[in-house]
């Protein structure tokens, strides 16, 4: 974990010191998230949102580094004995993306790691933060299109790399222990 954080800081520091141009912006949009893996069954997507800021750091030609700081609502719906249950997770996500413009600063592709800090976790309104990992690692892959020099839209998929729970759940085959986040995000961004 420390190596990933140090590597992300080193990449950002290198980008800032060698950047020919850095632009800042804000973004927000829709999340469609669920929990996948392990013994997770009968899940449905939970609709949420994300909002925050970013920096687009020009490194060379069409290559950029884009660190972000986003508040993100994620989770899933589960079918249970008494009906559907909402599993709601709020994160402060810190993705660091390598971004490459394919066509004249119009169409871009991006990929990179993400660190998520858990802010709250609730299962049908009851606090379960003590049973949920406080840090979530993920990997992003996505694409974007710039309508103008300032306004763009993006689509990104994030797959969780770390289990959601750090507690063993006896007699339920460690139900949450190997479950991971999965999130599809549609964003609208504005660069200053």
C-alpha atoms as a PDB file:
ATOM      1  CA  UNK A   1       0.000   0.000   0.000  1.00  0.00           C
ATOM      2  CA  UNK A   2       2.778   2.428   0.901  1.00  0.00           C
ATOM      3  CA  UNK A   3       4.577   1.640  -2.370  1.00  0.00           C
ATOM      4  CA  UNK A   4       1.459   2.444  -4.415  1.00  0.00           C
ATOM      5  CA  UNK A   5       0.898   5.748  -2.608  1.00  0.00           C
ATOM      6  CA  UNK A   6       4.577   6.719  -2.919  1.00  0.00           C
ATOM      7  CA  UNK A   7       4.580   5.819  -6.622  1.00  0.00           C
ATOM      8  CA  UNK A   8       1.452   7.930  -7.202  1.00  0.00           C
ATOM      9  CA  UNK A   9       3.017  10.888  -5.381  1.00  0.00           C
ATOM     10  CA  UNK A  10       6.244  10.489  -7.375  1.00  0.00           C
ATOM     11  CA  UNK A  11       4.338  10.446 -10.679  1.00  0.00           C
ATOM     12  CA  UNK A  12       2.354  13.546  -9.698  1.00  0.00           C
ATOM     13  CA  UNK A  13       5.481  15.371  -8.493  1.00  0.00           C
ATOM     14  CA  UNK A  14       7.329  14.493 -11.715  1.00  0.00           C
ATOM     15  CA  UNK A  15       4.360  15.704 -13.719  1.00  0.00           C
ATOM     16  CA  UNK A  16       4.151  18.993 -11.834  1.00  0.00           C
ATOM     17  CA  UNK A  17       7.872  19.745 -12.135  1.00  0.00           C
ATOM     18  CA  UNK A  18       8.093  18.807 -15.816  1.00  0.00           C
ATOM     19  CA  UNK A  19       4.689  20.020 -16.906  1.00  0.00           C
ATOM     20  CA  UNK A  20       4.533  22.366 -19.840  1.00  0.00           C
ATOM     21  CA  UNK A  21       0.940  23.173 -19.024  1.00  0.00           C
ATOM     22  CA  UNK A  22      -1.379  22.229 -16.152  1.00  0.00           C
ATOM     23  CA  UNK A  23      -5.117  22.851 -16.219  1.00  0.00           C
ATOM     24  CA  UNK A  24      -7.544  22.411 -13.353  1.00  0.00           C
ATOM     25  CA  UNK A  25     -11.173  21.494 -13.527  1.00  0.00           C
ATOM     26  CA  UNK A  26     -14.314  20.251 -11.842  1.00  0.00           C
ATOM     27  CA  UNK A  27     -16.375  17.207 -12.702  1.00  0.00           C
ATOM     28  CA  UNK A  28     -19.467  15.359 -11.630  1.00  0.00           C
ATOM     29  CA  UNK A  29     -21.821  12.714 -12.833  1.00  0.00           C
ATOM     30  CA  UNK A  30     -23.694   9.472 -12.435  1.00  0.00           C
ATOM     31  CA  UNK A  31     -22.458   6.210 -10.860  1.00  0.00           C
ATOM     32  CA  UNK A  32     -23.911   2.755 -11.519  1.00  0.00           C
ATOM     33  CA  UNK A  33     -22.260   0.561  -8.909  1.00  0.00           C
ATOM     34  CA  UNK A  34     -22.550  -2.956  -7.587  1.00  0.00           C
ATOM     35  CA  UNK A  35     -20.626  -5.481  -5.522  1.00  0.00           C
ATOM     36  CA  UNK A  36     -19.073  -8.417  -7.391  1.00  0.00           C
ATOM     37  CA  UNK A  37     -17.040 -11.524  -6.612  1.00  0.00           C
ATOM     38  CA  UNK A  38     -16.984 -14.124  -3.891  1.00  0.00           C
ATOM     39  CA  UNK A  39     -20.316 -15.516  -2.831  1.00  0.00           C
ATOM     40  CA  UNK A  40     -22.295 -12.408  -3.755  1.00  0.00           C
ATOM     41  CA  UNK A  41     -25.594 -13.325  -5.418  1.00  0.00           C
ATOM     42  CA  UNK A  42     -28.735 -11.486  -6.473  1.00  0.00           C
ATOM     43  CA  UNK A  43     -27.196  -8.018  -6.663  1.00  0.00           C
ATOM     44  CA  UNK A  44     -28.624  -5.088  -8.547  1.00  0.00           C
ATOM     45  CA  UNK A  45     -26.949  -1.838  -9.503  1.00  0.00           C
ATOM     46  CA  UNK A  46     -27.251   1.105  -7.162  1.00  0.00           C
ATOM     47  CA  UNK A  47     -27.495   4.560  -8.720  1.00  0.00           C
ATOM     48  CA  UNK A  48     -25.253   7.183  -7.143  1.00  0.00           C
ATOM     49  CA  UNK A  49     -23.133  10.172  -8.053  1.00  0.00           C
ATOM     50  CA  UNK A  50     -19.611  11.563  -7.935  1.00  0.00           C
ATOM     51  CA  UNK A  51     -18.332  15.127  -7.724  1.00  0.00           C
ATOM     52  CA  UNK A  52     -14.908  16.697  -7.330  1.00  0.00           C
ATOM     53  CA  UNK A  53     -11.898  18.266  -8.958  1.00  0.00           C
ATOM     54  CA  UNK A  54      -8.925  17.291 -11.089  1.00  0.00           C
ATOM     55  CA  UNK A  55      -5.695  18.519 -12.621  1.00  0.00           C
ATOM     56  CA  UNK A  56      -4.679  17.701 -16.186  1.00  0.00           C
ATOM     57  CA  UNK A  57      -0.876  17.775 -16.339  1.00  0.00           C
ATOM     58  CA  UNK A  58       0.709  17.841 -19.788  1.00  0.00           C
ATOM     59  CA  UNK A  59       3.764  15.563 -19.876  1.00  0.00           C
ATOM     60  CA  UNK A  60       4.668  15.096 -23.563  1.00  0.00           C
ATOM     61  CA  UNK A  61       2.783  15.593 -26.838  1.00  0.00           C
ATOM     62  CA  UNK A  62      -0.592  13.842 -26.387  1.00  0.00           C
ATOM     63  CA  UNK A  63       0.192  12.276 -22.990  1.00  0.00           C
ATOM     64  CA  UNK A  64      -1.168  13.685 -19.716  1.00  0.00           C
ATOM     65  CA  UNK A  65      -1.332  12.666 -16.050  1.00  0.00           C
ATOM     66  CA  UNK A  66      -4.684  13.373 -14.401  1.00  0.00           C
ATOM     67  CA  UNK A  67      -4.921  13.133 -10.594  1.00  0.00           C
ATOM     68  CA  UNK A  68      -8.424  13.592  -9.181  1.00  0.00           C
ATOM     69  CA  UNK A  69     -10.143  14.020  -5.827  1.00  0.00           C
ATOM     70  CA  UNK A  70     -13.761  12.803  -5.912  1.00  0.00           C
ATOM     71  CA  UNK A  71     -16.596  12.243  -3.457  1.00  0.00           C
ATOM     72  CA  UNK A  72     -18.348   9.093  -4.701  1.00  0.00           C
ATOM     73  CA  UNK A  73     -21.500   7.265  -3.599  1.00  0.00           C
ATOM     74  CA  UNK A  74     -21.303   3.540  -4.373  1.00  0.00           C
ATOM     75  CA  UNK A  75     -22.754   0.233  -3.214  1.00  0.00           C
ATOM     76  CA  UNK A  76     -25.320  -2.284  -4.331  1.00  0.00           C
ATOM     77  CA  UNK A  77     -28.839  -3.605  -3.839  1.00  0.00           C
ATOM     78  CA  UNK A  78     -29.264  -7.156  -2.533  1.00  0.00           C
ATOM     79  CA  UNK A  79     -32.285  -9.451  -2.745  1.00  0.00           C
ATOM     80  CA  UNK A  80     -32.962 -10.799   0.743  1.00  0.00           C
ATOM     81  CA  UNK A  81     -35.643 -12.656   2.656  1.00  0.00           C
ATOM     82  CA  UNK A  82     -37.615  -9.496   3.417  1.00  0.00           C
ATOM     83  CA  UNK A  83     -37.047  -7.742   0.090  1.00  0.00           C
ATOM     84  CA  UNK A  84     -34.302  -5.547  -1.323  1.00  0.00           C
ATOM     85  CA  UNK A  85     -31.539  -4.193   0.913  1.00  0.00           C
ATOM     86  CA  UNK A  86     -29.394  -1.173   0.081  1.00  0.00           C
ATOM     87  CA  UNK A  87     -25.665  -1.410   0.776  1.00  0.00           C
ATOM     88  CA  UNK A  88     -24.449   2.208   0.565  1.00  0.00           C
ATOM     89  CA  UNK A  89     -20.776   3.183   0.600  1.00  0.00           C
ATOM     90  CA  UNK A  90     -19.432   6.742   0.479  1.00  0.00           C
ATOM     91  CA  UNK A  91     -15.799   7.192  -0.572  1.00  0.00           C
ATOM     92  CA  UNK A  92     -13.250   9.905  -1.070  1.00  0.00           C
ATOM     93  CA  UNK A  93     -11.622   8.507  -4.219  1.00  0.00           C
ATOM     94  CA  UNK A  94      -8.159   9.530  -5.416  1.00  0.00           C
ATOM     95  CA  UNK A  95      -7.525   8.195  -8.933  1.00  0.00           C
ATOM     96  CA  UNK A  96      -4.262   8.949 -10.761  1.00  0.00           C
ATOM     97  CA  UNK A  97      -4.757   8.374 -14.481  1.00  0.00           C
ATOM     98  CA  UNK A  98      -2.499   8.201 -17.489  1.00  0.00           C
ATOM     99  CA  UNK A  99      -4.442   9.981 -20.240  1.00  0.00           C
ATOM    100  CA  UNK A 100      -3.688   9.864 -23.955  1.00  0.00           C
ATOM    101  CA  UNK A 101      -5.427  11.991 -26.593  1.00  0.00           C
ATOM    102  CA  UNK A 102      -5.888   9.925 -29.742  1.00  0.00           C
ATOM    103  CA  UNK A 103      -7.462  12.557 -31.973  1.00  0.00           C
ATOM    104  CA  UNK A 104      -6.485  16.265 -31.793  1.00  0.00           C
ATOM    105  CA  UNK A 105      -7.335  16.731 -28.107  1.00  0.00           C
ATOM    106  CA  UNK A 106     -10.859  15.499 -28.819  1.00  0.00           C
ATOM    107  CA  UNK A 107     -10.978  11.763 -28.045  1.00  0.00           C
ATOM    108  CA  UNK A 108      -8.940  10.361 -25.141  1.00  0.00           C
ATOM    109  CA  UNK A 109      -8.352   7.061 -23.382  1.00  0.00           C
ATOM    110  CA  UNK A 110      -7.268   6.732 -19.748  1.00  0.00           C
ATOM    111  CA  UNK A 111      -6.181   4.130 -17.223  1.00  0.00           C
ATOM    112  CA  UNK A 112      -4.711   4.101 -13.744  1.00  0.00           C
ATOM    113  CA  UNK A 113      -4.958   3.118 -10.080  1.00  0.00           C
ATOM    114  CA  UNK A 114      -7.364   4.513  -7.516  1.00  0.00           C
ATOM    115  CA  UNK A 115      -7.233   4.791  -3.749  1.00  0.00           C
ATOM    116  CA  UNK A 116     -10.600   5.091  -1.989  1.00  0.00           C
ATOM    117  CA  UNK A 117     -10.983   6.231   1.610  1.00  0.00           C
ATOM    118  CA  UNK A 118     -14.241   5.010   3.162  1.00  0.00           C
ATOM    119  CA  UNK A 119     -16.303   7.828   4.678  1.00  0.00           C
ATOM    120  CA  UNK A 120     -19.427   5.837   5.588  1.00  0.00           C
ATOM    121  CA  UNK A 121     -20.974   2.393   5.104  1.00  0.00           C
ATOM    122  CA  UNK A 122     -24.623   1.540   5.704  1.00  0.00           C
ATOM    123  CA  UNK A 123     -26.752  -1.531   5.161  1.00  0.00           C
ATOM    124  CA  UNK A 124     -30.406  -0.500   4.988  1.00  0.00           C
ATOM    125  CA  UNK A 125     -29.674   2.569   7.105  1.00  0.00           C
ATOM    126  CA  UNK A 126     -27.637   0.781   9.800  1.00  0.00           C
ATOM    127  CA  UNK A 127     -23.991   1.764  10.240  1.00  0.00           C
ATOM    128  CA  UNK A 128     -21.624  -1.079   9.277  1.00  0.00           C
ATOM    129  CA  UNK A 129     -18.428   0.945   8.883  1.00  0.00           C
ATOM    130  CA  UNK A 130     -16.699  -1.212  11.548  1.00  0.00           C
ATOM    131  CA  UNK A 131     -17.154  -4.254   9.277  1.00  0.00           C
ATOM    132  CA  UNK A 132     -15.944  -2.563   6.087  1.00  0.00           C
ATOM    133  CA  UNK A 133     -12.355  -1.891   5.058  1.00  0.00           C
ATOM    134  CA  UNK A 134     -11.415   1.750   5.480  1.00  0.00           C
ATOM    135  CA  UNK A 135      -9.315   1.737   2.285  1.00  0.00           C
ATOM    136  CA  UNK A 136     -10.336   0.465  -1.133  1.00  0.00           C
ATOM    137  CA  UNK A 137      -7.958  -0.069  -4.053  1.00  0.00           C
ATOM    138  CA  UNK A 138      -9.230  -0.093  -7.602  1.00  0.00           C
ATOM    139  CA  UNK A 139      -8.164   0.191 -11.207  1.00  0.00           C
ATOM    140  CA  UNK A 140      -9.782   2.520 -13.752  1.00  0.00           C
ATOM    141  CA  UNK A 141     -10.122   2.303 -17.502  1.00  0.00           C
ATOM    142  CA  UNK A 142     -12.075   4.798 -19.549  1.00  0.00           C
ATOM    143  CA  UNK A 143     -12.511   7.142 -22.478  1.00  0.00           C
ATOM    144  CA  UNK A 144     -13.517  10.736 -22.979  1.00  0.00           C
ATOM    145  CA  UNK A 145     -14.577  13.229 -25.602  1.00  0.00           C
ATOM    146  CA  UNK A 146     -13.940  16.988 -25.516  1.00  0.00           C
ATOM    147  CA  UNK A 147     -16.694  19.098 -27.070  1.00  0.00           C
ATOM    148  CA  UNK A 148     -14.678  22.284 -26.599  1.00  0.00           C
ATOM    149  CA  UNK A 149     -11.344  23.195 -25.024  1.00  0.00           C
ATOM    150  CA  UNK A 150     -13.171  23.444 -21.682  1.00  0.00           C
ATOM    151  CA  UNK A 151     -16.147  21.039 -21.761  1.00  0.00           C
ATOM    152  CA  UNK A 152     -15.844  17.248 -21.953  1.00  0.00           C
ATOM    153  CA  UNK A 153     -17.686  14.031 -21.175  1.00  0.00           C
ATOM    154  CA  UNK A 154     -16.180  10.765 -19.945  1.00  0.00           C
ATOM    155  CA  UNK A 155     -17.094   7.141 -19.331  1.00  0.00           C
ATOM    156  CA  UNK A 156     -15.022   5.146 -16.829  1.00  0.00           C
ATOM    157  CA  UNK A 157     -15.157   1.655 -15.351  1.00  0.00           C
ATOM    158  CA  UNK A 158     -13.556   0.978 -11.970  1.00  0.00           C
ATOM    159  CA  UNK A 159     -12.981  -2.544 -10.704  1.00  0.00           C
ATOM    160  CA  UNK A 160     -12.176  -3.009  -7.037  1.00  0.00           C
ATOM    161  CA  UNK A 161      -8.960  -4.840  -6.251  1.00  0.00           C
ATOM    162  CA  UNK A 162      -9.356  -5.216  -2.474  1.00  0.00           C
ATOM    163  CA  UNK A 163     -12.092  -6.991  -0.462  1.00  0.00           C
ATOM    164  CA  UNK A 164     -14.770  -4.788   1.065  1.00  0.00           C
ATOM    165  CA  UNK A 165     -14.713  -6.499   4.453  1.00  0.00           C
ATOM    166  CA  UNK A 166     -11.787  -7.212   6.738  1.00  0.00           C
ATOM    167  CA  UNK A 167     -13.895  -9.258   9.192  1.00  0.00           C
ATOM    168  CA  UNK A 168     -14.688 -12.957   8.911  1.00  0.00           C
ATOM    169  CA  UNK A 169     -18.396 -13.760   8.776  1.00  0.00           C
ATOM    170  CA  UNK A 170     -18.954 -17.232  10.190  1.00  0.00           C
ATOM    171  CA  UNK A 171     -21.615 -19.577   8.783  1.00  0.00           C
ATOM    172  CA  UNK A 172     -22.125 -17.397   5.724  1.00  0.00           C
ATOM    173  CA  UNK A 173     -19.045 -18.550   3.787  1.00  0.00           C
ATOM    174  CA  UNK A 174     -17.359 -15.224   4.509  1.00  0.00           C
ATOM    175  CA  UNK A 175     -19.996 -13.564   2.345  1.00  0.00           C
ATOM    176  CA  UNK A 176     -18.501 -10.095   2.147  1.00  0.00           C
ATOM    177  CA  UNK A 177     -14.858 -11.027   2.615  1.00  0.00           C
ATOM    178  CA  UNK A 178     -14.072 -11.490  -1.070  1.00  0.00           C
ATOM    179  CA  UNK A 179     -16.687  -9.115  -2.492  1.00  0.00           C
ATOM    180  CA  UNK A 180     -15.309  -6.076  -4.310  1.00  0.00           C
ATOM    181  CA  UNK A 181     -16.588  -2.784  -5.686  1.00  0.00           C
ATOM    182  CA  UNK A 182     -17.529  -2.389  -9.329  1.00  0.00           C
ATOM    183  CA  UNK A 183     -18.472   1.044 -10.659  1.00  0.00           C
ATOM    184  CA  UNK A 184     -19.406   2.544 -14.020  1.00  0.00           C
ATOM    185  CA  UNK A 185     -19.250   6.348 -14.066  1.00  0.00           C
ATOM    186  CA  UNK A 186     -20.499   8.877 -16.616  1.00  0.00           C
ATOM    187  CA  UNK A 187     -18.990  12.338 -16.040  1.00  0.00           C
ATOM    188  CA  UNK A 188     -19.303  15.883 -17.287  1.00  0.00           C
ATOM    189  CA  UNK A 189     -16.127  17.930 -16.763  1.00  0.00           C
ATOM    190  CA  UNK A 190     -15.201  21.593 -17.105  1.00  0.00           C
ATOM    191  CA  UNK A 191     -11.562  22.745 -17.356  1.00  0.00           C
ATOM    192  CA  UNK A 192     -10.548  26.280 -16.425  1.00  0.00           C
END
